[in-house]
Amino acid sequence: MLKKFTILLSLCTLSALCTPCFAQEEKTVTIQMPTQYGSCDVRELLKTHAPVVNQSKRRRAEAVQERTLWIDRITNLPEYLRDFYDRVDGDIQKVLDGKVSSLSMPELSHYDGDTYAYKVCAFTETFPFTYTSESDLQQKALEAVGDHANRAWDQFLSFIPYICLCINMDFPQAFWLNTTYSYFNAYSINYSYNPGSKTGNSTYEITMYFTLKSSDYDIRRSEFQSAELVAQGVERYKTAIETIFSGYPEEGTRYEKLLYLNDWLTLHNCYNSLTNESSRPDIAWSPLSALEGTVGENGPVCEGYSRAFKVLCDQKNIPCILASGWARDDLYAKGEPHMWNQVKMADGQWYAIDVTWNDPVIGRTAAISGGENHNWFLLGSDTEVQPGFTFSQSHPEDKTGGFSSQGSYSWSMADGPALSPDKYDPESAGEDPGEDPQPHEDIITLSDITDLIDRYLAQ
């Protein structure tokens, strides 16, 4: 189930921090407000709800248009949170390029007490107030800004859980990251007043933080909780991908390429069938498990298979997204939480691939079980998987992640790509151009420089 936040929104009553003074000069007081916290477990969201990154502007524009990135399904996202998402994207790429970032070494980030965190955004505003006596001075100063500060935190809480889900769904290549996220704020009020006119100005400052490491939390999976272990994991990741692509049909059609990737994963892995999910290691949900070809207790679950498949498609610039929802054998079954993929073919249509169900468990624990198949390969929404039972009925997708805003702000949502109604037919599709051309290097324009300056000045 979705874990609820514990959020302290009430303001504590503080004793006066200065000795009352009845002189006519202006006085200033600073109040440190209680820290407020929140958290989000993406794995729980994906379990309980029927729930890529291309670097060039050309590819990015295409992704936005078709909403192939989960982040683009929110059309009213505050800009500062989109900037934060892009910052995470950049830090992930640094790690994969063999460099160090805050996502592999949290100690590089902002430090507050025992906590290392990204500074997401800071808000500050000033409002006037009046008071009648020293006894109500502080209360009036708090009232002048309290609603405004709480509104900023409320907006952050409304959108940050979906940001966390998007990081998880759009960046499967970040194999070392946990699926549980934590965040908090630092909140202070500063007010000045004039005892003669009984007027004042109250200023709040609230800063939002995204936790990377604390005494009881680490954004890195348990297997990768040091920069050295992350670096070793990156080498394993690159080696695994190189091994897989050693037999990749570079000159083949897109159909043949996808078939090769599906078959490699099904022939080198065995689904992790440990009945007690709590005993499965984190690696089972990571693409690294499936990319390395794993059986036994470290073998992949559906998330491991589908994330690995997206990683491989992204490497070859084949449009691919993660789909999340439920999977069931018949129309009347409740089913279970599941993840699979959707890919775009040369005909411009999207089709579903469920690598996990193409590698069924049939009583064996070896990588090759004999049950590997193509039954769930490039299916359309209306493809019958059983008589009178279609793929969209067997795999009902939740296109919003199955949850809603945790604050007062509602989301304006758009659907992702729609599946073709029919199964892909490689013979009738005609000539397939194979993989997309490599993206061109971005050209920095005057507009780009202006945007960078504006962002810098806004900080």
Protein backbone atom coordinates (compact mmCIF):
# COMPACT_ATOMS: atom_id res chain seq x y z
CA MET A 1 0.00 0.00 0.00
CA LEU A 2 1.04 3.61 -0.50
CA LYS A 3 2.89 4.82 2.55
CA LYS A 4 1.36 7.96 3.95
CA PHE A 5 3.50 10.97 4.77
CA THR A 6 3.99 12.21 8.27
CA ILE A 7 3.92 15.96 7.85
CA LEU A 8 4.14 18.51 10.64
CA LEU A 9 2.25 21.50 9.37
CA SER A 10 1.26 23.06 12.67
CA LEU A 11 3.44 25.91 13.89
CA CYS A 12 4.82 25.60 17.36
CA THR A 13 4.24 28.36 19.89
CA LEU A 14 7.60 29.86 20.71
CA SER A 15 8.45 32.08 23.62
CA ALA A 16 9.67 35.60 22.83
CA LEU A 17 13.23 35.58 21.57
CA CYS A 18 14.01 39.14 22.58
CA THR A 19 13.41 41.36 25.57
CA PRO A 20 10.43 43.66 24.95
CA CYS A 21 11.62 47.10 23.96
CA PHE A 22 9.43 50.18 23.73
CA ALA A 23 11.90 52.40 21.95
CA GLN A 24 10.88 53.79 18.60
CA GLU A 25 13.65 52.17 16.53
CA GLU A 26 12.85 49.08 14.49
CA LYS A 27 13.55 45.67 16.06
CA THR A 28 14.26 42.35 14.34
CA VAL A 29 13.49 38.78 15.49
CA THR A 30 14.32 35.43 13.85
CA ILE A 31 12.31 32.27 14.53
CA GLN A 32 13.43 28.79 13.44
CA MET A 33 10.33 26.77 12.61
CA PRO A 34 9.91 22.96 12.94
CA THR A 35 11.34 20.87 10.11
CA GLN A 36 8.71 19.10 7.99
CA TYR A 37 9.30 15.68 6.42
CA GLY A 38 7.86 13.45 3.71
CA SER A 39 8.71 10.17 2.02
CA CYS A 40 7.67 8.06 -0.96
CA ASP A 41 8.20 4.36 -1.68
CA VAL A 42 7.93 3.87 -5.45
CA ARG A 43 8.02 0.09 -5.20
CA GLU A 44 4.94 0.20 -2.99
CA LEU A 45 3.20 2.45 -5.53
CA LEU A 46 3.98 0.01 -8.32
CA LYS A 47 2.96 -2.99 -6.23
CA THR A 48 -0.36 -1.69 -5.00
CA HIS A 49 -1.54 0.21 -8.06
CA ALA A 50 -2.26 -0.98 -11.49
CA PRO A 51 0.51 1.13 -12.54
CA VAL A 52 15.60 6.94 -22.04
CA VAL A 53 16.43 9.68 -21.72
CA ASN A 54 17.55 10.92 -25.16
CA GLN A 55 20.03 13.73 -24.82
CA SER A 56 19.59 15.63 -28.09
CA LYS A 57 16.95 18.32 -28.49
CA ARG A 58 15.58 16.55 -31.53
CA ARG A 59 14.95 13.38 -29.54
CA ARG A 60 13.70 15.34 -26.54
CA ALA A 61 11.11 17.18 -28.65
CA GLU A 62 9.88 13.86 -30.01
CA ALA A 63 9.65 12.43 -26.49
CA VAL A 64 7.61 15.41 -25.31
CA GLN A 65 5.25 15.20 -28.26
CA GLU A 66 4.50 11.52 -27.71
CA ARG A 67 4.90 11.70 -23.92
CA THR A 68 7.30 8.77 -23.90
CA LEU A 69 8.80 10.14 -20.69
CA TRP A 70 6.60 9.80 -17.65
CA ILE A 71 7.62 13.28 -16.54
CA ASP A 72 5.90 14.76 -19.61
CA ARG A 73 2.53 13.33 -18.63
CA ILE A 74 2.15 16.12 -16.08
CA THR A 75 1.27 19.30 -17.92
CA ASN A 76 1.16 21.66 -14.92
CA LEU A 77 4.41 20.69 -13.20
CA PRO A 78 6.14 23.60 -11.41
CA GLU A 79 9.26 24.58 -13.34
CA TYR A 80 11.60 24.25 -10.36
CA LEU A 81 10.66 20.57 -10.02
CA ARG A 82 11.27 19.97 -13.71
CA ASP A 83 14.70 21.57 -13.22
CA PHE A 84 15.31 19.21 -10.31
CA TYR A 85 14.35 16.19 -12.43
CA ASP A 86 16.79 17.35 -15.13
CA ARG A 87 19.50 17.78 -12.50
CA VAL A 88 19.00 14.17 -11.39
CA ASP A 89 19.20 13.11 -15.04
CA GLY A 90 22.55 14.87 -15.40
CA ASP A 91 23.98 13.37 -12.22
CA ILE A 92 22.93 9.87 -13.32
CA GLN A 93 24.75 10.36 -16.61
CA LYS A 94 27.88 11.55 -14.79
CA VAL A 95 28.01 8.29 -12.84
CA LEU A 96 27.52 6.21 -15.99
CA ASP A 97 30.33 8.20 -17.62
CA GLY A 98 32.69 7.08 -14.86
CA LYS A 99 32.54 10.30 -12.86
CA VAL A 100 31.35 10.93 -9.32
CA SER A 101 28.14 12.78 -8.49
CA SER A 102 25.95 13.26 -5.45
CA LEU A 103 23.97 10.18 -6.47
CA SER A 104 27.03 7.96 -6.04
CA MET A 105 28.68 9.97 -3.25
CA PRO A 106 26.05 11.86 -1.23
CA GLU A 107 28.83 13.55 0.75
CA LEU A 108 29.26 15.92 -2.22
CA SER A 109 25.84 17.44 -1.56
CA HIS A 110 24.42 19.91 0.96
CA TYR A 111 25.03 18.84 4.56
CA ASP A 112 22.64 19.56 7.40
CA GLY A 113 23.34 17.84 10.71
CA ASP A 114 23.56 14.13 9.87
CA THR A 115 21.81 14.50 6.50
CA TYR A 116 23.17 14.95 2.97
CA ALA A 117 20.62 16.27 0.50
CA TYR A 118 19.95 18.03 -2.77
CA LYS A 119 18.73 21.58 -2.33
CA VAL A 120 15.68 21.54 -4.61
CA CYS A 121 14.37 25.08 -4.26
CA ALA A 122 14.03 27.98 -1.81
CA PHE A 123 11.06 30.31 -1.43
CA THR A 124 11.01 33.62 0.41
CA GLU A 125 8.38 36.36 0.62
CA THR A 126 7.75 39.38 2.83
CA PHE A 127 4.35 40.58 4.09
CA PRO A 128 3.35 43.55 6.30
CA PHE A 129 1.41 43.17 9.54
CA THR A 130 0.05 45.23 12.41
CA TYR A 131 -0.26 44.38 16.09
CA THR A 132 -1.80 45.90 19.16
CA SER A 133 0.62 44.98 21.94
CA GLU A 134 3.77 43.05 22.73
CA SER A 135 1.64 40.06 23.74
CA ASP A 136 0.28 39.50 20.22
CA LEU A 137 3.32 40.71 18.27
CA GLN A 138 4.83 37.32 17.48
CA GLN A 139 1.49 35.74 16.69
CA LYS A 140 0.66 38.45 14.16
CA ALA A 141 4.09 38.08 12.56
CA LEU A 142 3.52 34.33 12.19
CA GLU A 143 0.02 34.77 10.83
CA ALA A 144 1.26 37.18 8.17
CA VAL A 145 3.37 34.52 6.45
CA GLY A 146 2.19 31.14 7.78
CA ASP A 147 -0.34 30.38 5.04
CA HIS A 148 2.09 31.39 2.30
CA ALA A 149 4.89 29.18 3.59
CA ASN A 150 2.56 26.24 4.09
CA ARG A 151 1.26 26.72 0.56
CA ALA A 152 4.78 26.41 -0.85
CA TRP A 153 5.36 23.19 1.11
CA ASP A 154 1.93 21.91 0.07
CA GLN A 155 2.75 22.43 -3.60
CA PHE A 156 6.04 20.59 -3.16
CA LEU A 157 4.26 17.66 -1.46
CA SER A 158 1.65 17.61 -4.21
CA PHE A 159 4.15 16.95 -6.99
CA ILE A 160 7.27 15.40 -5.47
CA PRO A 161 5.84 11.83 -5.16
CA TYR A 162 5.18 11.79 -8.88
CA ILE A 163 8.64 13.21 -9.54
CA CYS A 164 10.03 10.25 -7.59
CA LEU A 165 7.98 7.82 -9.67
CA CYS A 166 9.20 9.48 -12.87
CA ILE A 167 12.84 9.22 -11.81
CA ASN A 168 12.20 5.55 -11.21
CA MET A 169 10.37 4.93 -14.51
CA ASP A 170 12.36 7.17 -16.86
CA PHE A 171 15.87 6.28 -15.66
CA PRO A 172 16.15 2.48 -15.30
CA GLN A 173 19.85 2.83 -16.13
CA ALA A 174 20.34 4.20 -12.59
CA PHE A 175 20.48 0.61 -11.33
CA TRP A 176 22.11 1.56 -8.02
CA LEU A 177 19.30 3.85 -6.83
CA ASN A 178 16.77 2.83 -4.24
CA THR A 179 13.03 3.04 -4.87
CA THR A 180 12.26 4.76 -1.57
CA TYR A 181 12.71 8.53 -1.45
CA SER A 182 12.74 11.04 1.38
CA TYR A 183 12.53 14.83 1.54
CA PHE A 184 12.22 17.62 4.08
CA ASN A 185 12.34 21.39 4.48
CA ALA A 186 14.15 24.03 6.49
CA TYR A 187 11.81 26.82 7.55
CA SER A 188 12.47 30.11 9.30
CA ILE A 189 10.62 33.38 9.87
CA ASN A 190 12.28 36.74 10.31
CA TYR A 191 10.26 39.78 11.30
CA SER A 192 10.96 43.39 12.08
CA TYR A 193 8.64 45.77 13.92
CA ASN A 194 8.31 49.36 15.06
CA PRO A 195 6.97 49.70 18.63
CA GLY A 196 5.80 53.24 17.93
CA SER A 197 3.60 52.58 14.89
CA LYS A 198 2.75 49.00 15.89
CA THR A 199 3.58 47.84 12.37
CA GLY A 200 6.06 45.35 11.00
CA ASN A 201 7.22 43.19 8.12
CA SER A 202 7.42 39.42 8.32
CA THR A 203 9.57 37.32 5.97
CA TYR A 204 9.50 33.57 5.62
CA GLU A 205 12.17 31.43 4.00
CA ILE A 206 11.48 27.79 3.28
CA THR A 207 13.95 25.53 1.49
CA MET A 208 12.99 22.13 0.06
CA TYR A 209 15.52 19.30 0.26
CA PHE A 210 15.68 15.84 -1.32
CA THR A 211 17.46 13.43 1.00
CA LEU A 212 20.41 11.42 -0.29
CA LYS A 213 21.81 10.01 2.95
CA SER A 214 21.05 10.26 6.65
CA SER A 215 21.62 8.19 9.77
CA ASP A 216 18.78 5.82 8.83
CA TYR A 217 18.43 6.25 5.05
CA ASP A 218 20.47 5.94 1.85
CA ILE A 219 19.20 6.60 -1.67
CA ARG A 220 21.59 3.92 -2.93
CA ARG A 221 20.56 0.27 -2.88
CA SER A 222 22.08 -1.83 -0.12
CA GLU A 223 24.61 -3.39 -2.53
CA PHE A 224 25.97 0.01 -3.64
CA GLN A 225 26.33 2.19 -0.56
CA SER A 226 29.73 3.63 -1.38
CA ALA A 227 31.14 5.46 -4.39
CA GLU A 228 33.55 2.57 -4.96
CA LEU A 229 30.74 0.00 -5.03
CA VAL A 230 28.73 2.16 -7.44
CA ALA A 231 31.78 2.48 -9.72
CA GLN A 232 32.25 -1.29 -9.66
CA GLY A 233 28.56 -1.69 -10.50
CA VAL A 234 28.93 0.65 -13.47
CA GLU A 235 31.75 -1.51 -14.82
CA ARG A 236 29.57 -4.62 -14.40
CA TYR A 237 26.73 -2.78 -16.15
CA LYS A 238 28.89 -1.78 -19.11
CA THR A 239 30.41 -5.26 -19.39
CA ALA A 240 26.97 -6.89 -19.35
CA ILE A 241 25.67 -4.59 -22.09
CA GLU A 242 28.78 -5.18 -24.20
CA THR A 243 28.31 -8.94 -23.82
CA ILE A 244 24.68 -8.78 -24.90
CA PHE A 245 25.41 -6.64 -27.95
CA SER A 246 28.26 -8.89 -29.10
CA GLY A 247 25.66 -10.91 -31.01
CA TYR A 248 23.25 -8.08 -31.79
CA PRO A 249 22.00 -8.03 -35.42
CA GLU A 250 23.16 -4.52 -36.30
CA GLU A 251 22.02 -4.87 -39.92
CA GLY A 252 18.71 -6.49 -39.08
CA THR A 253 15.25 -5.00 -38.97
CA ARG A 254 13.88 -3.49 -35.78
CA TYR A 255 11.70 -6.58 -35.39
CA GLU A 256 14.79 -8.81 -35.53
CA LYS A 257 16.66 -6.59 -33.08
CA LEU A 258 13.85 -6.63 -30.54
CA LEU A 259 13.47 -10.37 -30.94
CA TYR A 260 17.17 -10.81 -30.22
CA LEU A 261 16.97 -8.69 -27.05
CA ASN A 262 13.88 -10.55 -25.84
CA ASP A 263 15.50 -13.93 -26.47
CA TRP A 264 18.79 -13.00 -24.82
CA LEU A 265 17.00 -12.03 -21.62
CA THR A 266 14.73 -15.08 -21.55
CA LEU A 267 17.55 -17.54 -22.35
CA HIS A 268 20.00 -16.18 -19.78
CA ASN A 269 17.71 -15.57 -16.80
CA CYS A 270 15.27 -17.42 -14.59
CA TYR A 271 12.45 -15.53 -12.92
CA ASN A 272 12.97 -15.09 -9.19
CA SER A 273 10.26 -17.36 -7.81
CA LEU A 274 11.06 -17.01 -4.13
CA THR A 275 7.60 -17.04 -2.55
CA ASN A 276 8.59 -14.72 0.27
CA GLU A 277 9.07 -11.39 -1.46
CA SER A 278 10.67 -9.82 1.60
CA SER A 279 13.57 -12.26 1.32
CA ARG A 280 14.43 -11.20 -2.23
CA PRO A 281 17.47 -8.93 -2.48
CA ASP A 282 17.11 -5.44 -3.96
CA ILE A 283 19.03 -6.54 -7.04
CA ALA A 284 15.99 -8.57 -8.20
CA TRP A 285 14.21 -5.32 -9.09
CA SER A 286 17.28 -3.81 -10.73
CA PRO A 287 18.04 -4.12 -14.46
CA LEU A 288 21.54 -5.26 -13.54
CA SER A 289 20.15 -8.63 -12.44
CA ALA A 290 18.66 -9.40 -15.87
CA LEU A 291 21.50 -7.76 -17.83
CA GLU A 292 24.05 -10.03 -16.19
CA GLY A 293 21.96 -13.15 -16.75
CA THR A 294 21.00 -14.40 -13.28
CA VAL A 295 19.20 -17.35 -11.73
CA GLY A 296 18.32 -18.23 -8.14
CA GLU A 297 17.76 -15.78 -5.31
CA ASN A 298 19.39 -12.92 -7.23
CA GLY A 299 17.38 -13.55 -10.37
CA PRO A 300 15.13 -10.80 -11.77
CA VAL A 301 11.45 -10.19 -11.16
CA CYS A 302 9.26 -8.46 -13.74
CA GLU A 303 10.77 -5.05 -12.97
CA GLY A 304 14.26 -6.42 -13.53
CA TYR A 305 13.31 -7.89 -16.92
CA SER A 306 11.42 -4.82 -18.17
CA ARG A 307 13.99 -2.29 -16.92
CA ALA A 308 16.78 -4.27 -18.59
CA PHE A 309 14.82 -4.39 -21.84
CA LYS A 310 14.33 -0.61 -21.79
CA VAL A 311 18.03 -0.05 -21.03
CA LEU A 312 18.96 -2.13 -24.07
CA CYS A 313 16.44 -0.39 -26.33
CA ASP A 314 17.67 3.00 -25.15
CA GLN A 315 21.22 2.00 -26.03
CA LYS A 316 20.09 1.46 -29.63
CA ASN A 317 17.72 4.44 -29.75
CA ILE A 318 14.62 2.27 -30.13
CA PRO A 319 11.69 4.13 -28.51
CA CYS A 320 10.69 2.12 -25.45
CA ILE A 321 8.84 2.88 -22.23
CA LEU A 322 8.01 1.05 -19.04
CA ALA A 323 4.34 0.21 -18.52
CA SER A 324 2.94 -0.65 -15.12
CA GLY A 325 -0.36 -2.13 -14.06
CA TRP A 326 -1.84 -5.56 -13.39
CA ALA A 327 -1.47 -8.93 -15.09
CA ARG A 328 -4.10 -11.64 -14.99
CA ASP A 329 -4.94 -14.94 -16.69
CA ASP A 330 -8.63 -14.28 -17.23
CA LEU A 331 -11.17 -11.50 -17.10
CA TYR A 332 -12.43 -12.44 -13.65
CA ALA A 333 -9.07 -12.80 -11.91
CA LYS A 334 -7.79 -9.95 -9.74
CA GLY A 335 -4.28 -10.47 -11.04
CA GLU A 336 -1.08 -9.13 -9.54
CA PRO A 337 1.08 -6.00 -9.90
CA HIS A 338 3.22 -6.22 -12.99
CA MET A 339 5.58 -4.30 -15.29
CA TRP A 340 6.24 -4.71 -19.00
CA ASN A 341 7.35 -2.65 -22.02
CA GLN A 342 5.91 -0.77 -24.95
CA VAL A 343 7.97 -0.10 -28.08
CA LYS A 344 7.47 1.97 -31.21
CA MET A 345 7.89 0.19 -34.54
CA ALA A 346 8.69 1.55 -38.00
CA ASP A 347 4.98 1.88 -38.83
CA GLY A 348 4.75 4.59 -36.16
CA GLN A 349 2.58 2.43 -33.89
CA TRP A 350 3.28 1.24 -30.35
CA TYR A 351 3.18 -2.42 -29.30
CA ALA A 352 3.53 -4.33 -26.04
CA ILE A 353 6.30 -6.76 -25.09
CA ASP A 354 6.21 -8.74 -21.84
CA VAL A 355 9.65 -10.32 -21.52
CA THR A 356 8.78 -11.77 -18.11
CA TRP A 357 5.83 -13.74 -19.45
CA ASN A 358 7.97 -14.86 -22.37
CA ASP A 359 10.18 -16.59 -19.77
CA PRO A 360 7.71 -18.56 -17.64
CA VAL A 361 8.70 -20.60 -14.59
CA ILE A 362 7.83 -24.24 -15.31
CA GLY A 363 9.36 -26.03 -12.36
CA ARG A 364 13.03 -25.51 -13.26
CA THR A 365 15.61 -23.09 -11.91
CA ALA A 366 18.04 -23.12 -14.85
CA ALA A 367 18.36 -20.17 -17.19
CA ILE A 368 17.03 -22.25 -20.09
CA SER A 369 13.82 -23.88 -18.97
CA GLY A 370 12.37 -24.93 -22.31
CA GLY A 371 9.36 -22.73 -21.75
CA GLU A 372 10.75 -19.62 -23.42
CA ASN A 373 8.36 -18.26 -26.04
CA HIS A 374 7.22 -15.26 -28.11
CA ASN A 375 3.59 -15.32 -27.02
CA TRP A 376 3.84 -11.82 -25.52
CA PHE A 377 5.88 -10.14 -28.23
CA LEU A 378 4.68 -6.99 -30.04
CA LEU A 379 1.02 -7.39 -29.14
CA GLY A 380 -1.72 -4.82 -29.75
CA SER A 381 -4.39 -3.77 -27.31
CA ASP A 382 -7.04 -5.92 -29.05
CA THR A 383 -4.81 -8.93 -29.68
CA GLU A 384 -6.56 -12.02 -28.31
CA VAL A 385 -4.31 -13.88 -25.87
CA GLN A 386 -7.12 -16.33 -25.20
CA PRO A 387 -10.46 -16.70 -26.98
CA GLY A 388 -12.46 -13.58 -26.14
CA PHE A 389 -9.70 -12.22 -23.88
CA THR A 390 -7.48 -9.42 -25.18
CA PHE A 391 -4.08 -8.14 -24.17
CA SER A 392 -5.50 -4.90 -22.73
CA GLN A 393 -7.77 -7.04 -20.54
CA SER A 394 -4.92 -9.28 -19.41
CA HIS A 395 -2.59 -6.30 -18.80
CA PRO A 396 -4.74 -3.35 -17.70
CA GLU A 397 -2.37 -0.40 -17.53
CA ASP A 398 -2.56 2.39 -15.02
CA LYS A 399 -1.34 5.38 -16.99
CA THR A 400 -1.02 7.71 -14.01
CA GLY A 401 0.84 5.39 -11.66
CA GLY A 402 -2.33 4.65 -9.70
CA PHE A 403 -2.08 7.51 -7.25
CA SER A 404 -2.90 11.18 -6.93
CA SER A 405 -1.58 14.34 -5.38
CA GLN A 406 -0.70 14.14 -1.70
CA GLY A 407 -1.33 17.85 -1.26
CA SER A 408 -3.99 20.35 -2.22
CA TYR A 409 -2.76 20.82 -5.78
CA SER A 410 -4.27 18.64 -8.50
CA TRP A 411 -2.38 17.39 -11.50
CA SER A 412 -3.27 18.03 -15.09
CA MET A 413 -2.43 14.71 -16.70
CA ALA A 414 -2.08 13.44 -20.26
CA ASP A 415 -1.91 9.83 -21.40
CA GLY A 416 1.23 8.24 -22.73
CA PRO A 417 1.42 6.56 -26.15
CA ALA A 418 -1.60 4.47 -27.17
CA LEU A 419 -1.08 0.87 -28.28
CA SER A 420 -1.93 -0.22 -31.77
CA PRO A 421 -5.12 -2.32 -31.68
CA ASP A 422 -3.47 -5.11 -33.70
CA LYS A 423 -0.41 -7.30 -33.22
CA TYR A 424 2.66 -6.24 -35.21
CA ASP A 425 3.07 -8.12 -38.48
CA PRO A 426 6.65 -7.83 -39.78
CA GLU A 427 5.71 -9.11 -43.25
CA SER A 428 2.94 -6.59 -43.91
CA ALA A 429 4.85 -3.74 -42.24
CA GLY A 430 7.21 -3.42 -45.20
CA GLU A 431 10.86 -2.40 -45.02
CA ASP A 432 11.95 -1.66 -41.45
CA PRO A 433 14.73 0.95 -41.18
CA GLY A 434 16.09 -0.61 -38.01
CA GLU A 435 17.48 1.59 -35.30
CA ASP A 436 17.02 5.33 -35.31
CA PRO A 437 19.97 7.45 -36.51
CA GLN A 438 22.33 8.60 -33.81
CA PRO A 439 21.29 11.96 -32.34
CA HIS A 440 23.29 14.99 -33.40
CA GLU A 441 25.25 16.95 -30.89
CA ASP A 442 23.27 19.84 -29.45
CA ILE A 443 24.11 23.24 -30.85
CA ILE A 444 24.24 25.94 -28.18
CA THR A 445 22.29 28.97 -29.33
CA LEU A 446 21.91 32.50 -27.98
CA SER A 447 18.53 31.43 -26.61
CA ASP A 448 20.20 28.61 -24.68
CA ILE A 449 22.70 31.03 -23.13
CA THR A 450 19.90 33.44 -22.19
CA ASP A 451 18.01 30.62 -20.49
CA LEU A 452 21.08 29.62 -18.50
CA ILE A 453 21.63 33.23 -17.36
CA ASP A 454 17.98 33.56 -16.33
CA ARG A 455 18.15 30.36 -14.30
CA TYR A 456 21.36 31.47 -12.61
CA LEU A 457 19.91 34.86 -11.65
CA ALA A 458 16.77 33.20 -10.33
CA GLN A 459 18.73 31.10 -7.84
